[in-house]
Amino acid sequence: MAFAILFSPEARDDLRQLYLYIADRSGPITAIGYIERIEAYCRSFADFPDRGLKRDDLAPGLRVIGFERRVAIAFHIDEGSVVFDRILYGGRTLPTPPEKA
């Protein structure tokens, strides 16, 4: 069974911001090529979604995986779908959850 691939609004915004960042520094052709590689990689999760490091400490069911040593991709699996929550470039990190009392 192939899983549906979904991008959260935040992940879509992350891709837009990454495109603008790269286009400004290296040109639009380089930027679109990089974004297309990220999207193709994400689409490959349709057949084998159970990848990445489980990060239940950040959110239940959250997984994080790297892409080309510069991108961290956060996602979760939800009833037949792989939902990409964030696509973080460079030194950006996921926020740490508050300490439990």
PDB file of N, CA and C in Angstrom:
ATOM      1  N   MET A   1       0.840  -1.190   0.000  1.00  0.00           N
ATOM      2  CA  MET A   1       0.000   0.000   0.000  1.00  0.00           C
ATOM      3  C   MET A   1       0.882   1.249   0.000  1.00  0.00           C
ATOM      4  N   ALA A   2       0.661   2.100  -0.934  1.00  0.00           N
ATOM      5  CA  ALA A   2       1.408   3.357  -0.976  1.00  0.00           C
ATOM      6  C   ALA A   2       0.724   4.388  -0.084  1.00  0.00           C
ATOM      7  N   PHE A   3       1.521   5.104   0.656  1.00  0.00           N
ATOM      8  CA  PHE A   3       1.026   6.159   1.531  1.00  0.00           C
ATOM      9  C   PHE A   3       0.876   7.455   0.739  1.00  0.00           C
ATOM     10  N   ALA A   4      -0.118   8.245   1.091  1.00  0.00           N
ATOM     11  CA  ALA A   4      -0.262   9.587   0.510  1.00  0.00           C
ATOM     12  C   ALA A   4       0.828  10.479   1.115  1.00  0.00           C
ATOM     13  N   ILE A   5       1.318  11.409   0.336  1.00  0.00           N
ATOM     14  CA  ILE A   5       2.343  12.351   0.794  1.00  0.00           C
ATOM     15  C   ILE A   5       1.707  13.719   0.933  1.00  0.00           C
ATOM     16  N   LEU A   6       1.805  14.298   2.134  1.00  0.00           N
ATOM     17  CA  LEU A   6       1.225  15.607   2.423  1.00  0.00           C
ATOM     18  C   LEU A   6       2.284  16.520   3.021  1.00  0.00           C
ATOM     19  N   PHE A   7       2.209  17.802   2.686  1.00  0.00           N
ATOM     20  CA  PHE A   7       3.102  18.806   3.261  1.00  0.00           C
ATOM     21  C   PHE A   7       2.254  19.770   4.084  1.00  0.00           C
ATOM     22  N   SER A   8       2.630  19.973   5.332  1.00  0.00           N
ATOM     23  CA  SER A   8       1.924  20.943   6.173  1.00  0.00           C
ATOM     24  C   SER A   8       2.144  22.343   5.608  1.00  0.00           C
ATOM     25  N   PRO A   9       1.299  23.310   5.983  1.00  0.00           N
ATOM     26  CA  PRO A   9       1.544  24.691   5.556  1.00  0.00           C
ATOM     27  C   PRO A   9       2.926  25.191   5.991  1.00  0.00           C
ATOM     28  N   GLU A  10       3.380  24.768   7.163  1.00  0.00           N
ATOM     29  CA  GLU A  10       4.708  25.188   7.641  1.00  0.00           C
ATOM     30  C   GLU A  10       5.816  24.609   6.768  1.00  0.00           C
ATOM     31  N   ALA A  11       5.667  23.342   6.362  1.00  0.00           N
ATOM     32  CA  ALA A  11       6.673  22.721   5.487  1.00  0.00           C
ATOM     33  C   ALA A  11       6.691  23.406   4.126  1.00  0.00           C
ATOM     34  N   ARG A  12       5.517  23.735   3.590  1.00  0.00           N
ATOM     35  CA  ARG A  12       5.447  24.456   2.310  1.00  0.00           C
ATOM     36  C   ARG A  12       6.142  25.816   2.435  1.00  0.00           C
ATOM     37  N   ASP A  13       5.902  26.492   3.557  1.00  0.00           N
ATOM     38  CA  ASP A  13       6.556  27.782   3.783  1.00  0.00           C
ATOM     39  C   ASP A  13       8.068  27.601   3.919  1.00  0.00           C
ATOM     40  N   ASP A  14       8.491  26.536   4.608  1.00  0.00           N
ATOM     41  CA  ASP A  14       9.926  26.249   4.717  1.00  0.00           C
ATOM     42  C   ASP A  14      10.544  26.087   3.338  1.00  0.00           C
ATOM     43  N   LEU A  15       9.869  25.368   2.434  1.00  0.00           N
ATOM     44  CA  LEU A  15      10.388  25.185   1.078  1.00  0.00           C
ATOM     45  C   LEU A  15      10.448  26.504   0.318  1.00  0.00           C
ATOM     46  N   ARG A  16       9.420  27.331   0.472  1.00  0.00           N
ATOM     47  CA  ARG A  16       9.432  28.659  -0.190  1.00  0.00           C
ATOM     48  C   ARG A  16      10.596  29.513   0.314  1.00  0.00           C
ATOM     49  N   GLN A  17      10.774  29.540   1.625  1.00  0.00           N
ATOM     50  CA  GLN A  17      11.857  30.333   2.205  1.00  0.00           C
ATOM     51  C   GLN A  17      13.228  29.805   1.777  1.00  0.00           C
ATOM     52  N   LEU A  18      13.354  28.487   1.716  1.00  0.00           N
ATOM     53  CA  LEU A  18      14.608  27.893   1.275  1.00  0.00           C
ATOM     54  C   LEU A  18      14.882  28.223  -0.186  1.00  0.00           C
ATOM     55  N   TYR A  19      13.847  28.168  -1.015  1.00  0.00           N
ATOM     56  CA  TYR A  19      14.004  28.552  -2.418  1.00  0.00           C
ATOM     57  C   TYR A  19      14.522  29.989  -2.520  1.00  0.00           C
ATOM     58  N   LEU A  20      13.885  30.901  -1.806  1.00  0.00           N
ATOM     59  CA  LEU A  20      14.303  32.311  -1.857  1.00  0.00           C
ATOM     60  C   LEU A  20      15.734  32.497  -1.382  1.00  0.00           C
ATOM     61  N   TYR A  21      16.106  31.803  -0.328  1.00  0.00           N
ATOM     62  CA  TYR A  21      17.458  31.900   0.233  1.00  0.00           C
ATOM     63  C   TYR A  21      18.494  31.444  -0.801  1.00  0.00           C
ATOM     64  N   ILE A  22      18.255  30.279  -1.405  1.00  0.00           N
ATOM     65  CA  ILE A  22      19.214  29.747  -2.375  1.00  0.00           C
ATOM     66  C   ILE A  22      19.207  30.567  -3.656  1.00  0.00           C
ATOM     67  N   ALA A  23      18.030  30.972  -4.124  1.00  0.00           N
ATOM     68  CA  ALA A  23      17.939  31.761  -5.357  1.00  0.00           C
ATOM     69  C   ALA A  23      18.701  33.065  -5.224  1.00  0.00           C
ATOM     70  N   ASP A  24      18.639  33.673  -4.049  1.00  0.00           N
ATOM     71  CA  ASP A  24      19.341  34.932  -3.808  1.00  0.00           C
ATOM     72  C   ASP A  24      20.853  34.755  -3.859  1.00  0.00           C
ATOM     73  N   ARG A  25      21.327  33.597  -3.449  1.00  0.00           N
ATOM     74  CA  ARG A  25      22.771  33.368  -3.374  1.00  0.00           C
ATOM     75  C   ARG A  25      23.342  32.642  -4.590  1.00  0.00           C
ATOM     76  N   SER A  26      22.544  31.743  -5.197  1.00  0.00           N
ATOM     77  CA  SER A  26      23.078  30.895  -6.260  1.00  0.00           C
ATOM     78  C   SER A  26      22.252  30.901  -7.535  1.00  0.00           C
ATOM     79  N   GLY A  27      21.115  31.616  -7.528  1.00  0.00           N
ATOM     80  CA  GLY A  27      20.295  31.695  -8.726  1.00  0.00           C
ATOM     81  C   GLY A  27      19.090  30.774  -8.679  1.00  0.00           C
ATOM     82  N   PRO A  28      18.058  31.119  -9.451  1.00  0.00           N
ATOM     83  CA  PRO A  28      16.807  30.364  -9.411  1.00  0.00           C
ATOM     84  C   PRO A  28      16.918  28.937  -9.946  1.00  0.00           C
ATOM     85  N   ILE A  29      17.800  28.686 -10.899  1.00  0.00           N
ATOM     86  CA  ILE A  29      17.929  27.331 -11.444  1.00  0.00           C
ATOM     87  C   ILE A  29      18.477  26.388 -10.380  1.00  0.00           C
ATOM     88  N   THR A  30      19.492  26.824  -9.664  1.00  0.00           N
ATOM     89  CA  THR A  30      20.048  26.026  -8.577  1.00  0.00           C
ATOM     90  C   THR A  30      19.008  25.818  -7.487  1.00  0.00           C
ATOM     91  N   ALA A  31      18.275  26.867  -7.156  1.00  0.00           N
ATOM     92  CA  ALA A  31      17.278  26.799  -6.083  1.00  0.00           C
ATOM     93  C   ALA A  31      16.169  25.819  -6.426  1.00  0.00           C
ATOM     94  N   ILE A  32      15.622  25.897  -7.627  1.00  0.00           N
ATOM     95  CA  ILE A  32      14.515  25.002  -7.978  1.00  0.00           C
ATOM     96  C   ILE A  32      14.997  23.559  -8.052  1.00  0.00           C
ATOM     97  N   GLY A  33      16.223  23.354  -8.511  1.00  0.00           N
ATOM     98  CA  GLY A  33      16.777  21.994  -8.547  1.00  0.00           C
ATOM     99  C   GLY A  33      16.875  21.388  -7.156  1.00  0.00           C
ATOM    100  N   TYR A  34      17.299  22.190  -6.191  1.00  0.00           N
ATOM    101  CA  TYR A  34      17.429  21.710  -4.811  1.00  0.00           C
ATOM    102  C   TYR A  34      16.057  21.405  -4.219  1.00  0.00           C
ATOM    103  N   ILE A  35      15.108  22.291  -4.424  1.00  0.00           N
ATOM    104  CA  ILE A  35      13.748  22.077  -3.907  1.00  0.00           C
ATOM    105  C   ILE A  35      13.133  20.834  -4.547  1.00  0.00           C
ATOM    106  N   GLU A  36      13.341  20.641  -5.832  1.00  0.00           N
ATOM    107  CA  GLU A  36      12.806  19.461  -6.507  1.00  0.00           C
ATOM    108  C   GLU A  36      13.418  18.174  -5.958  1.00  0.00           C
ATOM    109  N   ARG A  37      14.709  18.193  -5.611  1.00  0.00           N
ATOM    110  CA  ARG A  37      15.341  17.004  -5.018  1.00  0.00           C
ATOM    111  C   ARG A  37      14.745  16.706  -3.647  1.00  0.00           C
ATOM    112  N   ILE A  38      14.501  17.745  -2.859  1.00  0.00           N
ATOM    113  CA  ILE A  38      13.874  17.538  -1.547  1.00  0.00           C
ATOM    114  C   ILE A  38      12.480  16.942  -1.721  1.00  0.00           C
ATOM    115  N   GLU A  39      11.690  17.512  -2.619  1.00  0.00           N
ATOM    116  CA  GLU A  39      10.330  17.014  -2.837  1.00  0.00           C
ATOM    117  C   GLU A  39      10.332  15.576  -3.359  1.00  0.00           C
ATOM    118  N   ALA A  40      11.251  15.232  -4.254  1.00  0.00           N
ATOM    119  CA  ALA A  40      11.345  13.852  -4.763  1.00  0.00           C
ATOM    120  C   ALA A  40      11.713  12.900  -3.625  1.00  0.00           C
ATOM    121  N   TYR A  41      12.624  13.319  -2.772  1.00  0.00           N
ATOM    122  CA  TYR A  41      12.998  12.505  -1.614  1.00  0.00           C
ATOM    123  C   TYR A  41      11.783  12.278  -0.717  1.00  0.00           C
ATOM    124  N   CYS A  42      11.030  13.325  -0.457  1.00  0.00           N
ATOM    125  CA  CYS A  42       9.819  13.195   0.372  1.00  0.00           C
ATOM    126  C   CYS A  42       8.804  12.262  -0.282  1.00  0.00           C
ATOM    127  N   ARG A  43       8.634  12.357  -1.581  1.00  0.00           N
ATOM    128  CA  ARG A  43       7.689  11.475  -2.281  1.00  0.00           C
ATOM    129  C   ARG A  43       8.108  10.008  -2.188  1.00  0.00           C
ATOM    130  N   SER A  44       9.402   9.746  -2.027  1.00  0.00           N
ATOM    131  CA  SER A  44       9.872   8.362  -1.924  1.00  0.00           C
ATOM    132  C   SER A  44       9.398   7.688  -0.638  1.00  0.00           C
ATOM    133  N   PHE A  45       8.876   8.450   0.311  1.00  0.00           N
ATOM    134  CA  PHE A  45       8.351   7.896   1.556  1.00  0.00           C
ATOM    135  C   PHE A  45       7.009   7.205   1.343  1.00  0.00           C
ATOM    136  N   ALA A  46       6.399   7.340   0.186  1.00  0.00           N
ATOM    137  CA  ALA A  46       5.105   6.721  -0.093  1.00  0.00           C
ATOM    138  C   ALA A  46       5.181   5.200   0.036  1.00  0.00           C
ATOM    139  N   ASP A  47       6.300   4.616  -0.343  1.00  0.00           N
ATOM    140  CA  ASP A  47       6.438   3.161  -0.304  1.00  0.00           C
ATOM    141  C   ASP A  47       7.119   2.642   0.958  1.00  0.00           C
ATOM    142  N   PHE A  48       7.888   3.466   1.629  1.00  0.00           N
ATOM    143  CA  PHE A  48       8.607   3.026   2.830  1.00  0.00           C
ATOM    144  C   PHE A  48       8.724   4.205   3.796  1.00  0.00           C
ATOM    145  N   PRO A  49       7.671   4.475   4.565  1.00  0.00           N
ATOM    146  CA  PRO A  49       7.670   5.663   5.417  1.00  0.00           C
ATOM    147  C   PRO A  49       8.384   5.513   6.758  1.00  0.00           C
ATOM    148  N   ASP A  50       8.606   4.276   7.204  1.00  0.00           N
ATOM    149  CA  ASP A  50       9.186   4.074   8.544  1.00  0.00           C
ATOM    150  C   ASP A  50      10.690   4.297   8.531  1.00  0.00           C
ATOM    151  N   ARG A  51      11.081   5.541   8.371  1.00  0.00           N
ATOM    152  CA  ARG A  51      12.499   5.917   8.342  1.00  0.00           C
ATOM    153  C   ARG A  51      12.725   7.002   9.369  1.00  0.00           C
ATOM    154  N   GLY A  52      13.965   7.340   9.548  1.00  0.00           N
ATOM    155  CA  GLY A  52      14.294   8.464  10.407  1.00  0.00           C
ATOM    156  C   GLY A  52      14.374   8.097  11.876  1.00  0.00           C
ATOM    157  N   LEU A  53      14.786   9.069  12.636  1.00  0.00           N
ATOM    158  CA  LEU A  53      14.943   8.944  14.078  1.00  0.00           C
ATOM    159  C   LEU A  53      13.642   9.328  14.756  1.00  0.00           C
ATOM    160  N   LYS A  54      13.121   8.456  15.599  1.00  0.00           N
ATOM    161  CA  LYS A  54      11.900   8.775  16.344  1.00  0.00           C
ATOM    162  C   LYS A  54      12.209   9.865  17.360  1.00  0.00           C
ATOM    163  N   ARG A  55      11.355  10.884  17.393  1.00  0.00           N
ATOM    164  CA  ARG A  55      11.533  12.011  18.326  1.00  0.00           C
ATOM    165  C   ARG A  55      10.253  12.253  19.107  1.00  0.00           C
ATOM    166  N   ASP A  56       9.782  11.205  19.795  1.00  0.00           N
ATOM    167  CA  ASP A  56       8.585  11.328  20.613  1.00  0.00           C
ATOM    168  C   ASP A  56       8.768  12.347  21.733  1.00  0.00           C
ATOM    169  N   ASP A  57      10.023  12.685  22.061  1.00  0.00           N
ATOM    170  CA  ASP A  57      10.280  13.699  23.086  1.00  0.00           C
ATOM    171  C   ASP A  57       9.846  15.089  22.615  1.00  0.00           C
ATOM    172  N   LEU A  58       9.774  15.296  21.307  1.00  0.00           N
ATOM    173  CA  LEU A  58       9.324  16.575  20.763  1.00  0.00           C
ATOM    174  C   LEU A  58       7.829  16.585  20.486  1.00  0.00           C
ATOM    175  N   ALA A  59       7.324  15.472  19.948  1.00  0.00           N
ATOM    176  CA  ALA A  59       5.891  15.322  19.669  1.00  0.00           C
ATOM    177  C   ALA A  59       5.629  13.840  19.433  1.00  0.00           C
ATOM    178  N   PRO A  60       4.505  13.320  19.913  1.00  0.00           N
ATOM    179  CA  PRO A  60       4.203  11.901  19.708  1.00  0.00           C
ATOM    180  C   PRO A  60       4.177  11.543  18.213  1.00  0.00           C
ATOM    181  N   GLY A  61       4.929  10.495  17.852  1.00  0.00           N
ATOM    182  CA  GLY A  61       4.951  10.027  16.470  1.00  0.00           C
ATOM    183  C   GLY A  61       5.884  10.781  15.540  1.00  0.00           C
ATOM    184  N   LEU A  62       6.539  11.827  16.035  1.00  0.00           N
ATOM    185  CA  LEU A  62       7.423  12.622  15.177  1.00  0.00           C
ATOM    186  C   LEU A  62       8.689  11.839  14.838  1.00  0.00           C
ATOM    187  N   ARG A  63       9.095  11.960  13.588  1.00  0.00           N
ATOM    188  CA  ARG A  63      10.354  11.383  13.114  1.00  0.00           C
ATOM    189  C   ARG A  63      11.146  12.503  12.429  1.00  0.00           C
ATOM    190  N   VAL A  64      12.469  12.384  12.489  1.00  0.00           N
ATOM    191  CA  VAL A  64      13.335  13.370  11.839  1.00  0.00           C
ATOM    192  C   VAL A  64      14.380  12.606  11.033  1.00  0.00           C
ATOM    193  N   ILE A  65      14.620  13.096   9.819  1.00  0.00           N
ATOM    194  CA  ILE A  65      15.623  12.477   8.948  1.00  0.00           C
ATOM    195  C   ILE A  65      16.373  13.582   8.217  1.00  0.00           C
ATOM    196  N   GLY A  66      17.620  13.326   7.906  1.00  0.00           N
ATOM    197  CA  GLY A  66      18.435  14.302   7.200  1.00  0.00           C
ATOM    198  C   GLY A  66      18.338  14.137   5.689  1.00  0.00           C
ATOM    199  N   PHE A  67      18.686  15.208   5.001  1.00  0.00           N
ATOM    200  CA  PHE A  67      18.739  15.206   3.542  1.00  0.00           C
ATOM    201  C   PHE A  67      19.969  15.973   3.100  1.00  0.00           C
ATOM    202  N   GLU A  68      20.851  15.307   2.367  1.00  0.00           N
ATOM    203  CA  GLU A  68      22.063  15.913   1.806  1.00  0.00           C
ATOM    204  C   GLU A  68      22.844  16.741   2.825  1.00  0.00           C
ATOM    205  N   ARG A  69      22.930  16.294   4.032  1.00  0.00           N
ATOM    206  CA  ARG A  69      23.735  16.867   5.121  1.00  0.00           C
ATOM    207  C   ARG A  69      23.385  18.293   5.513  1.00  0.00           C
ATOM    208  N   ARG A  70      22.415  18.939   4.894  1.00  0.00           N
ATOM    209  CA  ARG A  70      22.095  20.333   5.208  1.00  0.00           C
ATOM    210  C   ARG A  70      20.653  20.548   5.631  1.00  0.00           C
ATOM    211  N   VAL A  71      19.801  19.543   5.454  1.00  0.00           N
ATOM    212  CA  VAL A  71      18.378  19.705   5.723  1.00  0.00           C
ATOM    213  C   VAL A  71      17.916  18.646   6.716  1.00  0.00           C
ATOM    214  N   ALA A  72      17.120  19.067   7.691  1.00  0.00           N
ATOM    215  CA  ALA A  72      16.441  18.145   8.606  1.00  0.00           C
ATOM    216  C   ALA A  72      14.954  18.179   8.255  1.00  0.00           C
ATOM    217  N   ILE A  73      14.400  16.999   8.040  1.00  0.00           N
ATOM    218  CA  ILE A  73      12.995  16.882   7.663  1.00  0.00           C
ATOM    219  C   ILE A  73      12.246  16.219   8.810  1.00  0.00           C
ATOM    220  N   ALA A  74      11.226  16.907   9.329  1.00  0.00           N
ATOM    221  CA  ALA A  74      10.402  16.374  10.416  1.00  0.00           C
ATOM    222  C   ALA A  74       9.059  15.939   9.829  1.00  0.00           C
ATOM    223  N   PHE A  75       8.624  14.727  10.190  1.00  0.00           N
ATOM    224  CA  PHE A  75       7.382  14.199   9.629  1.00  0.00           C
ATOM    225  C   PHE A  75       6.735  13.231  10.608  1.00  0.00           C
ATOM    226  N   HIS A  76       5.488  12.895  10.316  1.00  0.00           N
ATOM    227  CA  HIS A  76       4.803  11.847  11.067  1.00  0.00           C
ATOM    228  C   HIS A  76       3.918  11.055  10.115  1.00  0.00           C
ATOM    229  N   ILE A  77       3.574   9.852  10.538  1.00  0.00           N
ATOM    230  CA  ILE A  77       2.728   8.969   9.741  1.00  0.00           C
ATOM    231  C   ILE A  77       1.350   8.984  10.374  1.00  0.00           C
ATOM    232  N   ASP A  78       0.326   9.194   9.535  1.00  0.00           N
ATOM    233  CA  ASP A  78      -1.031   9.360  10.046  1.00  0.00           C
ATOM    234  C   ASP A  78      -2.026   8.638   9.138  1.00  0.00           C
ATOM    235  N   GLU A  79      -2.477   7.448   9.529  1.00  0.00           N
ATOM    236  CA  GLU A  79      -3.524   6.703   8.828  1.00  0.00           C
ATOM    237  C   GLU A  79      -3.410   6.731   7.305  1.00  0.00           C
ATOM    238  N   GLY A  80      -2.362   6.126   6.788  1.00  0.00           N
ATOM    239  CA  GLY A  80      -2.208   6.041   5.337  1.00  0.00           C
ATOM    240  C   GLY A  80      -1.553   7.239   4.688  1.00  0.00           C
ATOM    241  N   SER A  81      -1.112   8.202   5.491  1.00  0.00           N
ATOM    242  CA  SER A  81      -0.436   9.396   4.959  1.00  0.00           C
ATOM    243  C   SER A  81       0.884   9.626   5.684  1.00  0.00           C
ATOM    244  N   VAL A  82       1.829  10.162   4.944  1.00  0.00           N
ATOM    245  CA  VAL A  82       3.053  10.675   5.546  1.00  0.00           C
ATOM    246  C   VAL A  82       2.932  12.189   5.469  1.00  0.00           C
ATOM    247  N   VAL A  83       2.942  12.839   6.630  1.00  0.00           N
ATOM    248  CA  VAL A  83       2.765  14.287   6.703  1.00  0.00           C
ATOM    249  C   VAL A  83       4.114  14.912   7.043  1.00  0.00           C
ATOM    250  N   PHE A  84       4.620  15.733   6.141  1.00  0.00           N
ATOM    251  CA  PHE A  84       5.873  16.436   6.388  1.00  0.00           C
ATOM    252  C   PHE A  84       5.536  17.731   7.117  1.00  0.00           C
ATOM    253  N   ASP A  85       6.026  17.811   8.357  1.00  0.00           N
ATOM    254  CA  ASP A  85       5.687  18.923   9.240  1.00  0.00           C
ATOM    255  C   ASP A  85       6.594  20.138   9.043  1.00  0.00           C
ATOM    256  N   ARG A  86       7.893  19.891   8.933  1.00  0.00           N
ATOM    257  CA  ARG A  86       8.860  20.986   8.763  1.00  0.00           C
ATOM    258  C   ARG A  86      10.010  20.496   7.902  1.00  0.00           C
ATOM    259  N   ILE A  87      10.623  21.434   7.192  1.00  0.00           N
ATOM    260  CA  ILE A  87      11.818  21.173   6.408  1.00  0.00           C
ATOM    261  C   ILE A  87      12.797  22.278   6.776  1.00  0.00           C
ATOM    262  N   LEU A  88      13.772  21.919   7.607  1.00  0.00           N
ATOM    263  CA  LEU A  88      14.653  22.911   8.229  1.00  0.00           C
ATOM    264  C   LEU A  88      16.035  22.863   7.585  1.00  0.00           C
ATOM    265  N   TYR A  89      16.502  24.023   7.136  1.00  0.00           N
ATOM    266  CA  TYR A  89      17.772  24.131   6.429  1.00  0.00           C
ATOM    267  C   TYR A  89      18.869  24.669   7.340  1.00  0.00           C
ATOM    268  N   GLY A  90      20.081  24.175   7.129  1.00  0.00           N
ATOM    269  CA  GLY A  90      21.232  24.706   7.855  1.00  0.00           C
ATOM    270  C   GLY A  90      21.139  24.505   9.348  1.00  0.00           C
ATOM    271  N   GLY A  91      21.379  25.528  10.098  1.00  0.00           N
ATOM    272  CA  GLY A  91      21.414  25.439  11.545  1.00  0.00           C
ATOM    273  C   GLY A  91      20.072  25.545  12.239  1.00  0.00           C
ATOM    274  N   ARG A  92      18.970  25.637  11.497  1.00  0.00           N
ATOM    275  CA  ARG A  92      17.656  25.747  12.137  1.00  0.00           C
ATOM    276  C   ARG A  92      17.334  24.455  12.866  1.00  0.00           C
ATOM    277  N   THR A  93      16.682  24.562  14.016  1.00  0.00           N
ATOM    278  CA  THR A  93      16.329  23.405  14.813  1.00  0.00           C
ATOM    279  C   THR A  93      14.877  23.459  15.222  1.00  0.00           C
ATOM    280  N   LEU A  94      14.362  22.301  15.628  1.00  0.00           N
ATOM    281  CA  LEU A  94      13.009  22.242  16.161  1.00  0.00           C
ATOM    282  C   LEU A  94      13.017  22.798  17.585  1.00  0.00           C
ATOM    283  N   PRO A  95      11.973  23.493  18.001  1.00  0.00           N
ATOM    284  CA  PRO A  95      11.935  24.000  19.368  1.00  0.00           C
ATOM    285  C   PRO A  95      11.868  22.844  20.358  1.00  0.00           C
ATOM    286  N   THR A  96      12.467  23.040  21.509  1.00  0.00           N
ATOM    287  CA  THR A  96      12.441  22.042  22.578  1.00  0.00           C
ATOM    288  C   THR A  96      11.138  22.179  23.348  1.00  0.00           C
ATOM    289  N   PRO A  97      10.474  21.042  23.626  1.00  0.00           N
ATOM    290  CA  PRO A  97       9.226  21.142  24.387  1.00  0.00           C
ATOM    291  C   PRO A  97       9.496  21.575  25.821  1.00  0.00           C
ATOM    292  N   PRO A  98       8.506  22.165  26.482  1.00  0.00           N
ATOM    293  CA  PRO A  98       8.709  22.592  27.857  1.00  0.00           C
ATOM    294  C   PRO A  98       8.904  21.376  28.768  1.00  0.00           C
ATOM    295  N   GLU A  99       9.649  21.572  29.843  1.00  0.00           N
ATOM    296  CA  GLU A  99       9.892  20.523  30.828  1.00  0.00           C
ATOM    297  C   GLU A  99       8.581  20.130  31.493  1.00  0.00           C
ATOM    298  N   LYS A 100       8.416  18.834  31.716  1.00  0.00           N
ATOM    299  CA  LYS A 100       7.235  18.363  32.423  1.00  0.00           C
ATOM    300  C   LYS A 100       7.504  18.407  33.927  1.00  0.00           C
ATOM    301  N   ALA A 101       6.489  18.841  34.675  1.00  0.00           N
ATOM    302  CA  ALA A 101       6.663  18.960  36.135  1.00  0.00           C
ATOM    303  C   ALA A 101       6.451  17.636  36.817  1.00  0.00           C
TER     304      ALA A 101
END
